Amino acid sequence: MDIIFLGGLEIETLIGIYDWERQKKQTILLDIEMAFDIKKAAQTDDIAYALDYKTVTERIVAFVEQSEFFLVEKLIEEIATLLRTEFAISWVKIILNKRGAIPQARAVGIMIERGTK
């Protein structure tokens, strides 16, 4: 199986349940792995057969920047659904880090996998 990944994608969004979190955007950090068969792209050297990670990134950033979810659980699930439906990705693993959620922790967040490898 082939995996395409995006690491350390930082996006500003409204996220959280507390009043102060609804007033100011926070930075979330995403690490994403996506299963995608690259054989035909490798054989033809043609972007038409590849997963265009620039387009994927632009779509994720636009979606997250416009979202106003209360829970990171909802946000990460919606990102996974978006990737699997809009880009025909059979499997995705996402780690969402909501930096600053717990002052004593360097990282706090959720990791999910959706689909089949």
C-alpha atoms as a PDB file:
ATOM      1  CA  MET A   1       0.000   0.000   0.000  1.00  0.00           C
ATOM      2  CA  ASP A   2       1.149   3.507  -0.793  1.00  0.00           C
ATOM      3  CA  ILE A   3       0.834   6.327   1.741  1.00  0.00           C
ATOM      4  CA  ILE A   4       0.855  10.019   0.958  1.00  0.00           C
ATOM      5  CA  PHE A   5       1.329  12.207   4.004  1.00  0.00           C
ATOM      6  CA  LEU A   6       1.031  15.797   5.125  1.00  0.00           C
ATOM      7  CA  GLY A   7       2.980  16.596   8.264  1.00  0.00           C
ATOM      8  CA  GLY A   8       2.733  19.594  10.547  1.00  0.00           C
ATOM      9  CA  LEU A   9      -0.094  21.362   8.728  1.00  0.00           C
ATOM     10  CA  GLU A  10      -0.939  24.417  10.868  1.00  0.00           C
ATOM     11  CA  ILE A  11      -4.375  25.996  10.490  1.00  0.00           C
ATOM     12  CA  GLU A  12      -6.160  28.745  12.414  1.00  0.00           C
ATOM     13  CA  THR A  13      -9.776  28.034  13.363  1.00  0.00           C
ATOM     14  CA  LEU A  14     -12.478  28.651  15.937  1.00  0.00           C
ATOM     15  CA  ILE A  15     -12.605  25.516  18.057  1.00  0.00           C
ATOM     16  CA  GLY A  16     -13.625  24.881  21.635  1.00  0.00           C
ATOM     17  CA  ILE A  17     -16.426  24.931  24.158  1.00  0.00           C
ATOM     18  CA  TYR A  18     -15.359  27.820  26.377  1.00  0.00           C
ATOM     19  CA  ASP A  19     -16.423  31.422  25.795  1.00  0.00           C
ATOM     20  CA  TRP A  20     -12.841  32.595  25.278  1.00  0.00           C
ATOM     21  CA  GLU A  21     -12.339  29.899  22.638  1.00  0.00           C
ATOM     22  CA  ARG A  22     -15.309  31.230  20.686  1.00  0.00           C
ATOM     23  CA  GLN A  23     -13.756  34.700  20.509  1.00  0.00           C
ATOM     24  CA  LYS A  24     -10.312  34.015  19.057  1.00  0.00           C
ATOM     25  CA  LYS A  25      -9.028  31.551  16.498  1.00  0.00           C
ATOM     26  CA  GLN A  26      -6.582  28.919  17.716  1.00  0.00           C
ATOM     27  CA  THR A  27      -3.928  26.999  15.844  1.00  0.00           C
ATOM     28  CA  ILE A  28      -4.442  23.311  15.286  1.00  0.00           C
ATOM     29  CA  LEU A  29      -1.742  21.057  13.912  1.00  0.00           C
ATOM     30  CA  LEU A  30      -2.606  18.172  11.573  1.00  0.00           C
ATOM     31  CA  ASP A  31      -0.592  15.139  10.535  1.00  0.00           C
ATOM     32  CA  ILE A  32      -2.398  13.183   7.829  1.00  0.00           C
ATOM     33  CA  GLU A  33      -1.645   9.876   6.119  1.00  0.00           C
ATOM     34  CA  MET A  34      -3.709   8.821   3.103  1.00  0.00           C
ATOM     35  CA  ALA A  35      -3.747   5.497   1.264  1.00  0.00           C
ATOM     36  CA  PHE A  36      -3.513   6.064  -2.479  1.00  0.00           C
ATOM     37  CA  ASP A  37      -2.258   3.789  -5.247  1.00  0.00           C
ATOM     38  CA  ILE A  38       0.593   5.670  -6.940  1.00  0.00           C
ATOM     39  CA  LYS A  39       1.534   2.968  -9.484  1.00  0.00           C
ATOM     40  CA  LYS A  40      -0.118   4.554 -12.526  1.00  0.00           C
ATOM     41  CA  ALA A  41       1.246   8.010 -11.667  1.00  0.00           C
ATOM     42  CA  ALA A  42       4.719   6.502 -11.279  1.00  0.00           C
ATOM     43  CA  GLN A  43       4.460   4.623 -14.590  1.00  0.00           C
ATOM     44  CA  THR A  44       3.151   7.566 -16.599  1.00  0.00           C
ATOM     45  CA  ASP A  45       4.777  10.486 -14.761  1.00  0.00           C
ATOM     46  CA  ASP A  46       1.380  12.210 -15.139  1.00  0.00           C
ATOM     47  CA  ILE A  47      -0.184  14.284 -12.337  1.00  0.00           C
ATOM     48  CA  ALA A  48      -3.629  13.226 -13.570  1.00  0.00           C
ATOM     49  CA  TYR A  49      -3.052   9.831 -11.915  1.00  0.00           C
ATOM     50  CA  ALA A  50      -1.599  11.188  -8.687  1.00  0.00           C
ATOM     51  CA  LEU A  51      -3.185  12.484  -5.536  1.00  0.00           C
ATOM     52  CA  ASP A  52      -2.462  16.176  -5.868  1.00  0.00           C
ATOM     53  CA  TYR A  53      -1.406  16.979  -2.306  1.00  0.00           C
ATOM     54  CA  LYS A  54      -1.410  20.714  -3.034  1.00  0.00           C
ATOM     55  CA  THR A  55      -5.114  20.541  -3.922  1.00  0.00           C
ATOM     56  CA  VAL A  56      -5.798  18.312  -0.909  1.00  0.00           C
ATOM     57  CA  THR A  57      -3.999  20.771   1.378  1.00  0.00           C
ATOM     58  CA  GLU A  58      -5.828  23.787  -0.021  1.00  0.00           C
ATOM     59  CA  ARG A  59      -9.173  22.042   0.485  1.00  0.00           C
ATOM     60  CA  ILE A  60      -8.388  21.041   4.079  1.00  0.00           C
ATOM     61  CA  VAL A  61      -7.162  24.536   4.964  1.00  0.00           C
ATOM     62  CA  ALA A  62     -10.234  26.206   3.449  1.00  0.00           C
ATOM     63  CA  PHE A  63     -12.570  23.807   5.253  1.00  0.00           C
ATOM     64  CA  VAL A  64     -10.892  24.110   8.652  1.00  0.00           C
ATOM     65  CA  GLU A  65     -10.502  27.895   8.476  1.00  0.00           C
ATOM     66  CA  GLN A  66     -14.241  28.270   7.802  1.00  0.00           C
ATOM     67  CA  SER A  67     -15.354  25.764  10.444  1.00  0.00           C
ATOM     68  CA  GLU A  68     -16.600  26.753  13.891  1.00  0.00           C
ATOM     69  CA  PHE A  69     -17.019  23.417  15.647  1.00  0.00           C
ATOM     70  CA  PHE A  70     -17.122  23.112  19.417  1.00  0.00           C
ATOM     71  CA  LEU A  71     -15.351  19.736  19.617  1.00  0.00           C
ATOM     72  CA  VAL A  72     -12.135  18.532  18.022  1.00  0.00           C
ATOM     73  CA  GLU A  73     -13.901  15.173  17.711  1.00  0.00           C
ATOM     74  CA  LYS A  74     -16.357  16.723  15.246  1.00  0.00           C
ATOM     75  CA  LEU A  75     -13.660  18.572  13.325  1.00  0.00           C
ATOM     76  CA  ILE A  76     -11.399  15.553  12.852  1.00  0.00           C
ATOM     77  CA  GLU A  77     -14.321  13.354  11.790  1.00  0.00           C
ATOM     78  CA  GLU A  78     -15.427  15.931   9.213  1.00  0.00           C
ATOM     79  CA  ILE A  79     -11.896  16.188   7.811  1.00  0.00           C
ATOM     80  CA  ALA A  80     -11.738  12.403   7.418  1.00  0.00           C
ATOM     81  CA  THR A  81     -15.117  12.354   5.667  1.00  0.00           C
ATOM     82  CA  LEU A  82     -14.096  15.177   3.346  1.00  0.00           C
ATOM     83  CA  LEU A  83     -10.897  13.398   2.318  1.00  0.00           C
ATOM     84  CA  ARG A  84     -12.568  10.040   1.752  1.00  0.00           C
ATOM     85  CA  THR A  85     -15.450  11.433  -0.294  1.00  0.00           C
ATOM     86  CA  GLU A  86     -13.910  14.298  -2.274  1.00  0.00           C
ATOM     87  CA  PHE A  87     -10.604  12.604  -3.077  1.00  0.00           C
ATOM     88  CA  ALA A  88     -11.618   8.927  -3.176  1.00  0.00           C
ATOM     89  CA  ILE A  89      -9.139   7.999  -0.466  1.00  0.00           C
ATOM     90  CA  SER A  90      -9.863   4.504   0.868  1.00  0.00           C
ATOM     91  CA  TRP A  91      -8.045   4.954   4.205  1.00  0.00           C
ATOM     92  CA  VAL A  92      -6.931   7.955   6.194  1.00  0.00           C
ATOM     93  CA  LYS A  93      -5.137   8.461   9.495  1.00  0.00           C
ATOM     94  CA  ILE A  94      -5.301  11.903  11.070  1.00  0.00           C
ATOM     95  CA  ILE A  95      -3.630  13.271  14.169  1.00  0.00           C
ATOM     96  CA  LEU A  96      -5.087  16.563  15.362  1.00  0.00           C
ATOM     97  CA  ASN A  97      -3.053  18.461  17.939  1.00  0.00           C
ATOM     98  CA  LYS A  98      -4.796  21.328  19.732  1.00  0.00           C
ATOM     99  CA  ARG A  99      -1.737  23.020  21.147  1.00  0.00           C
ATOM    100  CA  GLY A 100      -2.296  24.939  24.346  1.00  0.00           C
ATOM    101  CA  ALA A 101      -5.412  22.997  25.365  1.00  0.00           C
ATOM    102  CA  ILE A 102      -3.558  21.766  28.456  1.00  0.00           C
ATOM    103  CA  PRO A 103      -0.812  24.207  29.539  1.00  0.00           C
ATOM    104  CA  GLN A 104       1.349  21.469  31.074  1.00  0.00           C
ATOM    105  CA  ALA A 105       1.289  19.317  27.896  1.00  0.00           C
ATOM    106  CA  ARG A 106       3.256  19.938  24.723  1.00  0.00           C
ATOM    107  CA  ALA A 107       0.593  18.151  22.672  1.00  0.00           C
ATOM    108  CA  VAL A 108      -3.045  17.261  23.208  1.00  0.00           C
ATOM    109  CA  GLY A 109      -5.423  15.895  20.632  1.00  0.00           C
ATOM    110  CA  ILE A 110      -6.957  12.976  18.836  1.00  0.00           C
ATOM    111  CA  MET A 111      -5.796  10.347  16.367  1.00  0.00           C
ATOM    112  CA  ILE A 112      -8.285   8.516  14.156  1.00  0.00           C
ATOM    113  CA  GLU A 113      -8.193   6.054  11.278  1.00  0.00           C
ATOM    114  CA  ARG A 114     -11.093   5.692   8.882  1.00  0.00           C
ATOM    115  CA  GLY A 115     -11.591   3.281   5.988  1.00  0.00           C
ATOM    116  CA  THR A 116      -9.656   0.203   4.993  1.00  0.00           C
ATOM    117  CA  LYS A 117      -6.058  -0.087   3.892  1.00  0.00           C
END
